[in-house]
């Protein structure tokens, strides 16, 4: 459990460093909740890939189906850049599953090391 806490903290620090390059006011407080709607994930993905979001992206995704569209778009963008989709699903991210969120952010960090 302690290892998991350290891992989550490290991944949160990493993604916040990525987000801060776009706008210092954007940051993740709770890794699971703050990534579940896809907005912070999309911003981080844009910073890391240099590509901008699809017109289908929903800025204020309040319904589950909207969050699934957003995370699905992120998944496509990351997969195209070689980020592994093993260990995480759109449903897992939207459902705030710790193991899947950790797998996603860890995979992002492995590909986009600074």
PDB file of N, CA and C in Angstrom:
ATOM      1  N   UNK A   1       0.839  -1.207   0.000  1.00  0.00           N
ATOM      2  CA  UNK A   1       0.000   0.000   0.000  1.00  0.00           C
ATOM      3  C   UNK A   1       0.872   1.254   0.000  1.00  0.00           C
ATOM      4  N   UNK A   2       1.971   1.222   0.762  1.00  0.00           N
ATOM      5  CA  UNK A   2       2.860   2.388   0.800  1.00  0.00           C
ATOM      6  C   UNK A   2       3.507   2.624  -0.565  1.00  0.00           C
ATOM      7  N   UNK A   3       3.903   1.506  -1.230  1.00  0.00           N
ATOM      8  CA  UNK A   3       4.491   1.610  -2.569  1.00  0.00           C
ATOM      9  C   UNK A   3       3.508   2.265  -3.534  1.00  0.00           C
ATOM     10  N   UNK A   4       2.223   1.868  -3.443  1.00  0.00           N
ATOM     11  CA  UNK A   4       1.197   2.416  -4.318  1.00  0.00           C
ATOM     12  C   UNK A   4       1.062   3.922  -4.095  1.00  0.00           C
ATOM     13  N   UNK A   5       1.107   4.350  -2.847  1.00  0.00           N
ATOM     14  CA  UNK A   5       1.024   5.779  -2.537  1.00  0.00           C
ATOM     15  C   UNK A   5       2.178   6.562  -3.128  1.00  0.00           C
ATOM     16  N   UNK A   6       3.370   6.001  -3.050  1.00  0.00           N
ATOM     17  CA  UNK A   6       4.563   6.650  -3.614  1.00  0.00           C
ATOM     18  C   UNK A   6       4.453   6.715  -5.138  1.00  0.00           C
ATOM     19  N   UNK A   7       4.008   5.624  -5.743  1.00  0.00           N
ATOM     20  CA  UNK A   7       3.855   5.585  -7.199  1.00  0.00           C
ATOM     21  C   UNK A   7       2.840   6.623  -7.670  1.00  0.00           C
ATOM     22  N   UNK A   8       1.698   6.680  -7.017  1.00  0.00           N
ATOM     23  CA  UNK A   8       0.659   7.659  -7.385  1.00  0.00           C
ATOM     24  C   UNK A   8       1.202   9.076  -7.236  1.00  0.00           C
ATOM     25  N   UNK A   9       1.925   9.332  -6.164  1.00  0.00           N
ATOM     26  CA  UNK A   9       2.506  10.670  -5.954  1.00  0.00           C
ATOM     27  C   UNK A   9       3.489  11.024  -7.071  1.00  0.00           C
ATOM     28  N   UNK A  10       4.352  10.075  -7.434  1.00  0.00           N
ATOM     29  CA  UNK A  10       5.338  10.321  -8.495  1.00  0.00           C
ATOM     30  C   UNK A  10       4.667  10.581  -9.839  1.00  0.00           C
ATOM     31  N   UNK A  11       3.642   9.797 -10.158  1.00  0.00           N
ATOM     32  CA  UNK A  11       2.933   9.978 -11.423  1.00  0.00           C
ATOM     33  C   UNK A  11       2.191  11.313 -11.444  1.00  0.00           C
ATOM     34  N   UNK A  12       1.636  11.697 -10.304  1.00  0.00           N
ATOM     35  CA  UNK A  12       0.931  12.976 -10.208  1.00  0.00           C
ATOM     36  C   UNK A  12       1.918  14.137 -10.394  1.00  0.00           C
ATOM     37  N   UNK A  13       3.081  14.047  -9.776  1.00  0.00           N
ATOM     38  CA  UNK A  13       4.102  15.081  -9.955  1.00  0.00           C
ATOM     39  C   UNK A  13       4.510  15.190 -11.423  1.00  0.00           C
ATOM     40  N   UNK A  14       4.676  14.038 -12.072  1.00  0.00           N
ATOM     41  CA  UNK A  14       5.083  14.038 -13.476  1.00  0.00           C
ATOM     42  C   UNK A  14       4.025  14.684 -14.358  1.00  0.00           C
ATOM     43  N   UNK A  15       2.765  14.282 -14.193  1.00  0.00           N
ATOM     44  CA  UNK A  15       1.720  14.831 -15.065  1.00  0.00           C
ATOM     45  C   UNK A  15       1.513  16.316 -14.782  1.00  0.00           C
ATOM     46  N   UNK A  16       1.681  16.738 -13.538  1.00  0.00           N
ATOM     47  CA  UNK A  16       1.557  18.164 -13.227  1.00  0.00           C
ATOM     48  C   UNK A  16       2.673  18.981 -13.867  1.00  0.00           C
ATOM     49  N   UNK A  17       3.862  18.399 -13.956  1.00  0.00           N
ATOM     50  CA  UNK A  17       4.976  19.080 -14.635  1.00  0.00           C
ATOM     51  C   UNK A  17       4.645  19.265 -16.121  1.00  0.00           C
ATOM     52  N   UNK A  18       4.053  18.231 -16.705  1.00  0.00           N
ATOM     53  CA  UNK A  18       3.633  18.300 -18.115  1.00  0.00           C
ATOM     54  C   UNK A  18       2.568  19.382 -18.292  1.00  0.00           C
ATOM     55  N   UNK A  19       1.543  19.365 -17.445  1.00  0.00           N
ATOM     56  CA  UNK A  19       0.444  20.336 -17.552  1.00  0.00           C
ATOM     57  C   UNK A  19       0.935  21.766 -17.361  1.00  0.00           C
ATOM     58  N   UNK A  20       1.889  21.963 -16.453  1.00  0.00           N
ATOM     59  CA  UNK A  20       2.389  23.308 -16.155  1.00  0.00           C
ATOM     60  C   UNK A  20       3.082  23.946 -17.350  1.00  0.00           C
ATOM     61  N   UNK A  21       3.575  23.137 -18.293  1.00  0.00           N
ATOM     62  CA  UNK A  21       4.212  23.721 -19.474  1.00  0.00           C
ATOM     63  C   UNK A  21       3.183  24.423 -20.352  1.00  0.00           C
ATOM     64  N   UNK A  22       1.918  24.044 -20.229  1.00  0.00           N
ATOM     65  CA  UNK A  22       0.844  24.694 -20.996  1.00  0.00           C
ATOM     66  C   UNK A  22       0.259  25.858 -20.202  1.00  0.00           C
ATOM     67  N   UNK A  23      -0.045  25.608 -18.924  1.00  0.00           N
ATOM     68  CA  UNK A  23      -0.677  26.632 -18.089  1.00  0.00           C
ATOM     69  C   UNK A  23      -0.476  26.252 -16.619  1.00  0.00           C
ATOM     70  N   UNK A  24       0.249  27.077 -15.867  1.00  0.00           N
ATOM     71  CA  UNK A  24       0.537  26.748 -14.466  1.00  0.00           C
ATOM     72  C   UNK A  24      -0.712  26.596 -13.588  1.00  0.00           C
ATOM     73  N   UNK A  25      -1.857  27.106 -14.050  1.00  0.00           N
ATOM     74  CA  UNK A  25      -3.068  26.991 -13.234  1.00  0.00           C
ATOM     75  C   UNK A  25      -3.745  25.630 -13.411  1.00  0.00           C
ATOM     76  N   UNK A  26      -3.272  24.826 -14.353  1.00  0.00           N
ATOM     77  CA  UNK A  26      -3.836  23.490 -14.562  1.00  0.00           C
ATOM     78  C   UNK A  26      -2.987  22.468 -13.826  1.00  0.00           C
ATOM     79  N   UNK A  27      -3.619  21.712 -12.942  1.00  0.00           N
ATOM     80  CA  UNK A  27      -2.891  20.674 -12.225  1.00  0.00           C
ATOM     81  C   UNK A  27      -3.851  19.625 -11.700  1.00  0.00           C
ATOM     82  N   UNK A  28      -3.305  18.469 -11.420  1.00  0.00           N
ATOM     83  CA  UNK A  28      -4.051  17.331 -10.910  1.00  0.00           C
ATOM     84  C   UNK A  28      -3.857  17.268  -9.398  1.00  0.00           C
ATOM     85  N   UNK A  29      -4.955  17.199  -8.662  1.00  0.00           N
ATOM     86  CA  UNK A  29      -4.908  17.031  -7.214  1.00  0.00           C
ATOM     87  C   UNK A  29      -5.129  15.556  -6.878  1.00  0.00           C
ATOM     88  N   UNK A  30      -6.167  14.985  -7.471  1.00  0.00           N
ATOM     89  CA  UNK A  30      -6.503  13.569  -7.273  1.00  0.00           C
ATOM     90  C   UNK A  30      -6.345  12.868  -8.624  1.00  0.00           C
ATOM     91  N   UNK A  31      -5.348  12.017  -8.730  1.00  0.00           N
ATOM     92  CA  UNK A  31      -5.018  11.385 -10.008  1.00  0.00           C
ATOM     93  C   UNK A  31      -6.221  10.696 -10.640  1.00  0.00           C
ATOM     94  N   UNK A  32      -6.997   9.968  -9.856  1.00  0.00           N
ATOM     95  CA  UNK A  32      -8.119   9.204 -10.403  1.00  0.00           C
ATOM     96  C   UNK A  32      -9.260  10.112 -10.839  1.00  0.00           C
ATOM     97  N   UNK A  33      -9.695  10.984  -9.957  1.00  0.00           N
ATOM     98  CA  UNK A  33     -10.842  11.851 -10.254  1.00  0.00           C
ATOM     99  C   UNK A  33     -10.524  12.885 -11.323  1.00  0.00           C
ATOM    100  N   UNK A  34      -9.348  13.477 -11.256  1.00  0.00           N
ATOM    101  CA  UNK A  34      -9.025  14.581 -12.156  1.00  0.00           C
ATOM    102  C   UNK A  34      -8.749  14.136 -13.590  1.00  0.00           C
ATOM    103  N   UNK A  35      -8.483  12.855 -13.795  1.00  0.00           N
ATOM    104  CA  UNK A  35      -8.250  12.373 -15.161  1.00  0.00           C
ATOM    105  C   UNK A  35      -9.494  11.710 -15.760  1.00  0.00           C
ATOM    106  N   UNK A  36     -10.503  11.447 -14.944  1.00  0.00           N
ATOM    107  CA  UNK A  36     -11.649  10.637 -15.366  1.00  0.00           C
ATOM    108  C   UNK A  36     -12.510  11.258 -16.455  1.00  0.00           C
ATOM    109  N   UNK A  37     -12.562  12.598 -16.566  1.00  0.00           N
ATOM    110  CA  UNK A  37     -13.395  13.191 -17.610  1.00  0.00           C
ATOM    111  C   UNK A  37     -12.629  13.416 -18.908  1.00  0.00           C
ATOM    112  N   UNK A  38     -11.310  13.198 -18.852  1.00  0.00           N
ATOM    113  CA  UNK A  38     -10.495  13.295 -20.057  1.00  0.00           C
ATOM    114  C   UNK A  38      -9.882  14.660 -20.316  1.00  0.00           C
ATOM    115  N   UNK A  39     -10.333  15.718 -19.634  1.00  0.00           N
ATOM    116  CA  UNK A  39      -9.830  17.058 -19.947  1.00  0.00           C
ATOM    117  C   UNK A  39      -8.341  17.210 -19.628  1.00  0.00           C
ATOM    118  N   UNK A  40      -7.933  16.931 -18.396  1.00  0.00           N
ATOM    119  CA  UNK A  40      -6.513  17.052 -18.049  1.00  0.00           C
ATOM    120  C   UNK A  40      -5.669  16.043 -18.828  1.00  0.00           C
ATOM    121  N   UNK A  41      -6.244  14.870 -19.082  1.00  0.00           N
ATOM    122  CA  UNK A  41      -5.543  13.867 -19.899  1.00  0.00           C
ATOM    123  C   UNK A  41      -5.309  14.405 -21.305  1.00  0.00           C
ATOM    124  N   UNK A  42      -6.320  15.058 -21.876  1.00  0.00           N
ATOM    125  CA  UNK A  42      -6.185  15.600 -23.232  1.00  0.00           C
ATOM    126  C   UNK A  42      -5.152  16.716 -23.263  1.00  0.00           C
ATOM    127  N   UNK A  43      -5.180  17.594 -22.279  1.00  0.00           N
ATOM    128  CA  UNK A  43      -4.200  18.683 -22.252  1.00  0.00           C
ATOM    129  C   UNK A  43      -2.782  18.109 -22.174  1.00  0.00           C
ATOM    130  N   UNK A  44      -2.582  17.136 -21.286  1.00  0.00           N
ATOM    131  CA  UNK A  44      -1.262  16.503 -21.172  1.00  0.00           C
ATOM    132  C   UNK A  44      -0.872  15.824 -22.482  1.00  0.00           C
ATOM    133  N   UNK A  45      -1.834  15.169 -23.117  1.00  0.00           N
ATOM    134  CA  UNK A  45      -1.573  14.477 -24.392  1.00  0.00           C
ATOM    135  C   UNK A  45      -1.198  15.479 -25.481  1.00  0.00           C
ATOM    136  N   UNK A  46      -1.882  16.618 -25.511  1.00  0.00           N
ATOM    137  CA  UNK A  46      -1.543  17.662 -26.492  1.00  0.00           C
ATOM    138  C   UNK A  46      -0.126  18.175 -26.277  1.00  0.00           C
ATOM    139  N   UNK A  47       0.226  18.418 -25.020  1.00  0.00           N
ATOM    140  CA  UNK A  47       1.577  18.907 -24.702  1.00  0.00           C
ATOM    141  C   UNK A  47       2.616  17.879 -25.144  1.00  0.00           C
ATOM    142  N   UNK A  48       2.374  16.613 -24.816  1.00  0.00           N
ATOM    143  CA  UNK A  48       3.367  15.564 -25.079  1.00  0.00           C
ATOM    144  C   UNK A  48       3.492  15.214 -26.556  1.00  0.00           C
ATOM    145  N   UNK A  49       2.377  15.232 -27.284  1.00  0.00           N
ATOM    146  CA  UNK A  49       2.407  14.801 -28.685  1.00  0.00           C
ATOM    147  C   UNK A  49       2.562  15.957 -29.669  1.00  0.00           C
ATOM    148  N   UNK A  50       2.249  17.176 -29.224  1.00  0.00           N
ATOM    149  CA  UNK A  50       2.268  18.314 -30.139  1.00  0.00           C
ATOM    150  C   UNK A  50       1.055  18.349 -31.048  1.00  0.00           C
ATOM    151  N   UNK A  51       0.106  17.473 -30.827  1.00  0.00           N
ATOM    152  CA  UNK A  51      -1.128  17.418 -31.636  1.00  0.00           C
ATOM    153  C   UNK A  51      -2.271  18.008 -30.825  1.00  0.00           C
ATOM    154  N   UNK A  52      -3.264  18.563 -31.523  1.00  0.00           N
ATOM    155  CA  UNK A  52      -4.401  19.147 -30.825  1.00  0.00           C
ATOM    156  C   UNK A  52      -5.627  18.271 -30.916  1.00  0.00           C
ATOM    157  N   UNK A  53      -6.503  18.472 -29.948  1.00  0.00           N
ATOM    158  CA  UNK A  53      -7.687  17.622 -29.802  1.00  0.00           C
ATOM    159  C   UNK A  53      -8.593  17.655 -31.011  1.00  0.00           C
ATOM    160  N   UNK A  54      -9.298  16.571 -31.166  1.00  0.00           N
ATOM    161  CA  UNK A  54     -10.296  16.395 -32.199  1.00  0.00           C
ATOM    162  C   UNK A  54     -11.496  17.285 -31.897  1.00  0.00           C
ATOM    163  N   UNK A  55     -12.208  17.686 -32.934  1.00  0.00           N
ATOM    164  CA  UNK A  55     -13.410  18.513 -32.761  1.00  0.00           C
ATOM    165  C   UNK A  55     -14.490  17.792 -31.955  1.00  0.00           C
ATOM    166  N   UNK A  56     -14.402  16.466 -31.868  1.00  0.00           N
ATOM    167  CA  UNK A  56     -15.392  15.701 -31.110  1.00  0.00           C
ATOM    168  C   UNK A  56     -15.195  15.813 -29.597  1.00  0.00           C
ATOM    169  N   UNK A  57     -14.052  16.354 -29.171  1.00  0.00           N
ATOM    170  CA  UNK A  57     -13.753  16.447 -27.745  1.00  0.00           C
ATOM    171  C   UNK A  57     -14.762  17.373 -27.060  1.00  0.00           C
ATOM    172  N   UNK A  58     -15.233  16.963 -25.883  1.00  0.00           N
ATOM    173  CA  UNK A  58     -16.242  17.715 -25.137  1.00  0.00           C
ATOM    174  C   UNK A  58     -15.585  18.363 -23.928  1.00  0.00           C
ATOM    175  N   UNK A  59     -15.472  19.686 -23.956  1.00  0.00           N
ATOM    176  CA  UNK A  59     -14.775  20.439 -22.911  1.00  0.00           C
ATOM    177  C   UNK A  59     -15.374  20.211 -21.517  1.00  0.00           C
ATOM    178  N   UNK A  60     -16.677  20.330 -21.399  1.00  0.00           N
ATOM    179  CA  UNK A  60     -17.342  20.162 -20.102  1.00  0.00           C
ATOM    180  C   UNK A  60     -18.127  18.863 -20.096  1.00  0.00           C
ATOM    181  N   UNK A  61     -17.415  17.767 -20.011  1.00  0.00           N
ATOM    182  CA  UNK A  61     -18.033  16.442 -20.084  1.00  0.00           C
ATOM    183  C   UNK A  61     -18.661  16.092 -18.738  1.00  0.00           C
ATOM    184  N   UNK A  62     -19.964  16.215 -18.657  1.00  0.00           N
ATOM    185  CA  UNK A  62     -20.651  15.931 -17.394  1.00  0.00           C
ATOM    186  C   UNK A  62     -21.263  14.533 -17.391  1.00  0.00           C
ATOM    187  N   UNK A  63     -21.637  14.031 -18.553  1.00  0.00           N
ATOM    188  CA  UNK A  63     -22.246  12.702 -18.617  1.00  0.00           C
ATOM    189  C   UNK A  63     -21.187  11.649 -18.924  1.00  0.00           C
ATOM    190  N   UNK A  64     -21.420  10.444 -18.450  1.00  0.00           N
ATOM    191  CA  UNK A  64     -20.475   9.342 -18.630  1.00  0.00           C
ATOM    192  C   UNK A  64     -20.124   9.122 -20.104  1.00  0.00           C
ATOM    193  N   UNK A  65     -21.141   9.159 -20.974  1.00  0.00           N
ATOM    194  CA  UNK A  65     -20.880   8.922 -22.407  1.00  0.00           C
ATOM    195  C   UNK A  65     -19.919   9.973 -22.961  1.00  0.00           C
ATOM    196  N   UNK A  66     -20.043  11.217 -22.487  1.00  0.00           N
ATOM    197  CA  UNK A  66     -19.149  12.284 -22.940  1.00  0.00           C
ATOM    198  C   UNK A  66     -17.728  12.041 -22.451  1.00  0.00           C
ATOM    199  N   UNK A  67     -17.600  11.614 -21.202  1.00  0.00           N
ATOM    200  CA  UNK A  67     -16.264  11.319 -20.658  1.00  0.00           C
ATOM    201  C   UNK A  67     -15.632  10.154 -21.423  1.00  0.00           C
ATOM    202  N   UNK A  68     -16.450   9.170 -21.802  1.00  0.00           N
ATOM    203  CA  UNK A  68     -15.930   8.022 -22.569  1.00  0.00           C
ATOM    204  C   UNK A  68     -15.444   8.457 -23.945  1.00  0.00           C
ATOM    205  N   UNK A  69     -16.149   9.383 -24.584  1.00  0.00           N
ATOM    206  CA  UNK A  69     -15.704   9.918 -25.881  1.00  0.00           C
ATOM    207  C   UNK A  69     -14.343  10.588 -25.702  1.00  0.00           C
ATOM    208  N   UNK A  70     -14.219  11.424 -24.679  1.00  0.00           N
ATOM    209  CA  UNK A  70     -12.968  12.153 -24.440  1.00  0.00           C
ATOM    210  C   UNK A  70     -11.794  11.220 -24.196  1.00  0.00           C
ATOM    211  N   UNK A  71     -11.971  10.268 -23.289  1.00  0.00           N
ATOM    212  CA  UNK A  71     -10.871   9.348 -22.967  1.00  0.00           C
ATOM    213  C   UNK A  71     -10.567   8.459 -24.177  1.00  0.00           C
ATOM    214  N   UNK A  72     -11.583   8.124 -24.957  1.00  0.00           N
ATOM    215  CA  UNK A  72     -11.368   7.353 -26.186  1.00  0.00           C
ATOM    216  C   UNK A  72     -10.507   8.110 -27.187  1.00  0.00           C
ATOM    217  N   UNK A  73     -10.733   9.414 -27.306  1.00  0.00           N
ATOM    218  CA  UNK A  73      -9.913  10.236 -28.206  1.00  0.00           C
ATOM    219  C   UNK A  73      -8.473  10.300 -27.721  1.00  0.00           C
ATOM    220  N   UNK A  74      -8.289  10.426 -26.412  1.00  0.00           N
ATOM    221  CA  UNK A  74      -6.947  10.422 -25.828  1.00  0.00           C
ATOM    222  C   UNK A  74      -6.268   9.086 -26.128  1.00  0.00           C
ATOM    223  N   UNK A  75      -7.003   8.000 -25.946  1.00  0.00           N
ATOM    224  CA  UNK A  75      -6.454   6.656 -26.199  1.00  0.00           C
ATOM    225  C   UNK A  75      -5.955   6.536 -27.641  1.00  0.00           C
ATOM    226  N   UNK A  76      -6.744   7.035 -28.596  1.00  0.00           N
ATOM    227  CA  UNK A  76      -6.335   6.984 -30.011  1.00  0.00           C
ATOM    228  C   UNK A  76      -5.052   7.792 -30.241  1.00  0.00           C
ATOM    229  N   UNK A  77      -5.000   8.993 -29.680  1.00  0.00           N
ATOM    230  CA  UNK A  77      -3.824   9.852 -29.863  1.00  0.00           C
ATOM    231  C   UNK A  77      -2.571   9.228 -29.260  1.00  0.00           C
ATOM    232  N   UNK A  78      -2.712   8.682 -28.058  1.00  0.00           N
ATOM    233  CA  UNK A  78      -1.554   8.089 -27.382  1.00  0.00           C
ATOM    234  C   UNK A  78      -1.103   6.811 -28.078  1.00  0.00           C
ATOM    235  N   UNK A  79      -2.056   5.999 -28.476  1.00  0.00           N
ATOM    236  CA  UNK A  79      -1.740   4.746 -29.157  1.00  0.00           C
ATOM    237  C   UNK A  79      -0.975   5.024 -30.453  1.00  0.00           C
ATOM    238  N   UNK A  80      -1.377   6.070 -31.161  1.00  0.00           N
ATOM    239  CA  UNK A  80      -0.706   6.442 -32.414  1.00  0.00           C
ATOM    240  C   UNK A  80       0.742   6.853 -32.177  1.00  0.00           C
ATOM    241  N   UNK A  81       1.062   7.276 -30.952  1.00  0.00           N
ATOM    242  CA  UNK A  81       2.421   7.676 -30.609  1.00  0.00           C
ATOM    243  C   UNK A  81       3.197   6.583 -29.883  1.00  0.00           C
ATOM    244  N   UNK A  82       2.631   5.378 -29.840  1.00  0.00           N
ATOM    245  CA  UNK A  82       3.349   4.248 -29.276  1.00  0.00           C
ATOM    246  C   UNK A  82       3.160   4.019 -27.789  1.00  0.00           C
ATOM    247  N   UNK A  83       2.197   4.714 -27.185  1.00  0.00           N
ATOM    248  CA  UNK A  83       1.908   4.489 -25.763  1.00  0.00           C
ATOM    249  C   UNK A  83       1.089   3.212 -25.647  1.00  0.00           C
ATOM    250  N   UNK A  84       1.520   2.315 -24.787  1.00  0.00           N
ATOM    251  CA  UNK A  84       0.843   1.032 -24.616  1.00  0.00           C
ATOM    252  C   UNK A  84      -0.572   1.224 -24.078  1.00  0.00           C
ATOM    253  N   UNK A  85      -1.504   0.460 -24.638  1.00  0.00           N
ATOM    254  CA  UNK A  85      -2.878   0.483 -24.120  1.00  0.00           C
ATOM    255  C   UNK A  85      -3.125  -0.759 -23.268  1.00  0.00           C
ATOM    256  N   UNK A  86      -2.065  -1.492 -22.996  1.00  0.00           N
ATOM    257  CA  UNK A  86      -2.184  -2.683 -22.156  1.00  0.00           C
ATOM    258  C   UNK A  86      -2.389  -2.265 -20.701  1.00  0.00           C
ATOM    259  N   UNK A  87      -3.367  -2.868 -20.050  1.00  0.00           N
ATOM    260  CA  UNK A  87      -3.593  -2.610 -18.630  1.00  0.00           C
ATOM    261  C   UNK A  87      -4.549  -1.471 -18.331  1.00  0.00           C
ATOM    262  N   UNK A  88      -5.048  -0.802 -19.370  1.00  0.00           N
ATOM    263  CA  UNK A  88      -6.027   0.263 -19.115  1.00  0.00           C
ATOM    264  C   UNK A  88      -7.044   0.344 -20.246  1.00  0.00           C
ATOM    265  N   UNK A  89      -8.241   0.700 -19.870  1.00  0.00           N
ATOM    266  CA  UNK A  89      -9.352   0.818 -20.817  1.00  0.00           C
ATOM    267  C   UNK A  89     -10.015   2.176 -20.614  1.00  0.00           C
ATOM    268  N   UNK A  90     -10.796   2.579 -21.593  1.00  0.00           N
ATOM    269  CA  UNK A  90     -11.572   3.814 -21.472  1.00  0.00           C
ATOM    270  C   UNK A  90     -12.483   3.706 -20.244  1.00  0.00           C
ATOM    271  N   UNK A  91     -13.175   2.576 -20.119  1.00  0.00           N
ATOM    272  CA  UNK A  91     -14.080   2.377 -18.985  1.00  0.00           C
ATOM    273  C   UNK A  91     -13.328   2.459 -17.653  1.00  0.00           C
ATOM    274  N   UNK A  92     -12.137   1.884 -17.601  1.00  0.00           N
ATOM    275  CA  UNK A  92     -11.360   1.899 -16.359  1.00  0.00           C
ATOM    276  C   UNK A  92     -10.959   3.296 -15.928  1.00  0.00           C
ATOM    277  N   UNK A  93     -10.603   4.146 -16.891  1.00  0.00           N
ATOM    278  CA  UNK A  93     -10.215   5.524 -16.567  1.00  0.00           C
ATOM    279  C   UNK A  93     -11.436   6.319 -16.114  1.00  0.00           C
ATOM    280  N   UNK A  94     -12.532   6.210 -16.884  1.00  0.00           N
ATOM    281  CA  UNK A  94     -13.764   6.931 -16.549  1.00  0.00           C
ATOM    282  C   UNK A  94     -14.328   6.453 -15.208  1.00  0.00           C
ATOM    283  N   UNK A  95     -14.141   5.169 -14.911  1.00  0.00           N
ATOM    284  CA  UNK A  95     -14.632   4.598 -13.646  1.00  0.00           C
ATOM    285  C   UNK A  95     -13.677   4.843 -12.475  1.00  0.00           C
ATOM    286  N   UNK A  96     -12.565   5.527 -12.734  1.00  0.00           N
ATOM    287  CA  UNK A  96     -11.585   5.908 -11.705  1.00  0.00           C
ATOM    288  C   UNK A  96     -10.930   4.703 -11.040  1.00  0.00           C
ATOM    289  N   UNK A  97     -10.634   3.658 -11.840  1.00  0.00           N
ATOM    290  CA  UNK A  97      -9.954   2.487 -11.294  1.00  0.00           C
ATOM    291  C   UNK A  97      -8.466   2.802 -11.140  1.00  0.00           C
ATOM    292  N   UNK A  98      -7.973   2.635  -9.934  1.00  0.00           N
ATOM    293  CA  UNK A  98      -6.588   3.005  -9.617  1.00  0.00           C
ATOM    294  C   UNK A  98      -5.585   2.261 -10.487  1.00  0.00           C
ATOM    295  N   UNK A  99      -5.729   0.940 -10.601  1.00  0.00           N
ATOM    296  CA  UNK A  99      -4.736   0.166 -11.345  1.00  0.00           C
ATOM    297  C   UNK A  99      -4.669   0.601 -12.810  1.00  0.00           C
ATOM    298  N   UNK A 100      -5.819   0.910 -13.399  1.00  0.00           N
ATOM    299  CA  UNK A 100      -5.835   1.297 -14.813  1.00  0.00           C
ATOM    300  C   UNK A 100      -5.307   2.719 -15.020  1.00  0.00           C
ATOM    301  N   UNK A 101      -5.646   3.624 -14.102  1.00  0.00           N
ATOM    302  CA  UNK A 101      -5.136   4.998 -14.208  1.00  0.00           C
ATOM    303  C   UNK A 101      -3.620   5.012 -14.041  1.00  0.00           C
ATOM    304  N   UNK A 102      -3.115   4.221 -13.108  1.00  0.00           N
ATOM    305  CA  UNK A 102      -1.665   4.109 -12.903  1.00  0.00           C
ATOM    306  C   UNK A 102      -1.003   3.517 -14.149  1.00  0.00           C
ATOM    307  N   UNK A 103      -1.632   2.492 -14.745  1.00  0.00           N
ATOM    308  CA  UNK A 103      -1.079   1.881 -15.962  1.00  0.00           C
ATOM    309  C   UNK A 103      -1.011   2.899 -17.100  1.00  0.00           C
ATOM    310  N   UNK A 104      -2.048   3.718 -17.244  1.00  0.00           N
ATOM    311  CA  UNK A 104      -2.082   4.721 -18.313  1.00  0.00           C
ATOM    312  C   UNK A 104      -0.998   5.773 -18.116  1.00  0.00           C
ATOM    313  N   UNK A 105      -0.959   6.394 -16.950  1.00  0.00           N
ATOM    314  CA  UNK A 105       0.009   7.478 -16.724  1.00  0.00           C
ATOM    315  C   UNK A 105       1.435   6.928 -16.754  1.00  0.00           C
ATOM    316  N   UNK A 106       1.621   5.728 -16.231  1.00  0.00           N
ATOM    317  CA  UNK A 106       2.940   5.096 -16.298  1.00  0.00           C
ATOM    318  C   UNK A 106       3.376   4.854 -17.729  1.00  0.00           C
ATOM    319  N   UNK A 107       2.453   4.406 -18.571  1.00  0.00           N
ATOM    320  CA  UNK A 107       2.762   4.167 -19.995  1.00  0.00           C
ATOM    321  C   UNK A 107       3.094   5.479 -20.699  1.00  0.00           C
ATOM    322  N   UNK A 108       2.373   6.531 -20.356  1.00  0.00           N
ATOM    323  CA  UNK A 108       2.652   7.858 -20.938  1.00  0.00           C
ATOM    324  C   UNK A 108       4.060   8.307 -20.550  1.00  0.00           C
ATOM    325  N   UNK A 109       4.384   8.128 -19.283  1.00  0.00           N
ATOM    326  CA  UNK A 109       5.696   8.581 -18.798  1.00  0.00           C
ATOM    327  C   UNK A 109       6.841   7.785 -19.443  1.00  0.00           C
ATOM    328  N   UNK A 110       6.614   6.482 -19.652  1.00  0.00           N
ATOM    329  CA  UNK A 110       7.669   5.665 -20.288  1.00  0.00           C
ATOM    330  C   UNK A 110       7.975   6.143 -21.700  1.00  0.00           C
ATOM    331  N   UNK A 111       6.951   6.542 -22.445  1.00  0.00           N
ATOM    332  CA  UNK A 111       7.157   6.972 -23.832  1.00  0.00           C
ATOM    333  C   UNK A 111       7.685   8.414 -23.895  1.00  0.00           C
ATOM    334  N   UNK A 112       7.167   9.266 -23.024  1.00  0.00           N
ATOM    335  CA  UNK A 112       7.505  10.696 -23.087  1.00  0.00           C
ATOM    336  C   UNK A 112       8.396  11.132 -21.939  1.00  0.00           C
ATOM    337  N   UNK A 113       9.437  10.379 -21.662  1.00  0.00           N
ATOM    338  CA  UNK A 113      10.387  10.782 -20.619  1.00  0.00           C
ATOM    339  C   UNK A 113      11.010  12.118 -20.982  1.00  0.00           C
ATOM    340  N   UNK A 114      11.249  12.926 -19.953  1.00  0.00           N
ATOM    341  CA  UNK A 114      11.880  14.232 -20.266  1.00  0.00           C
ATOM    342  C   UNK A 114      13.374  14.159 -20.036  1.00  0.00           C
TER     343      UNK A 114
END
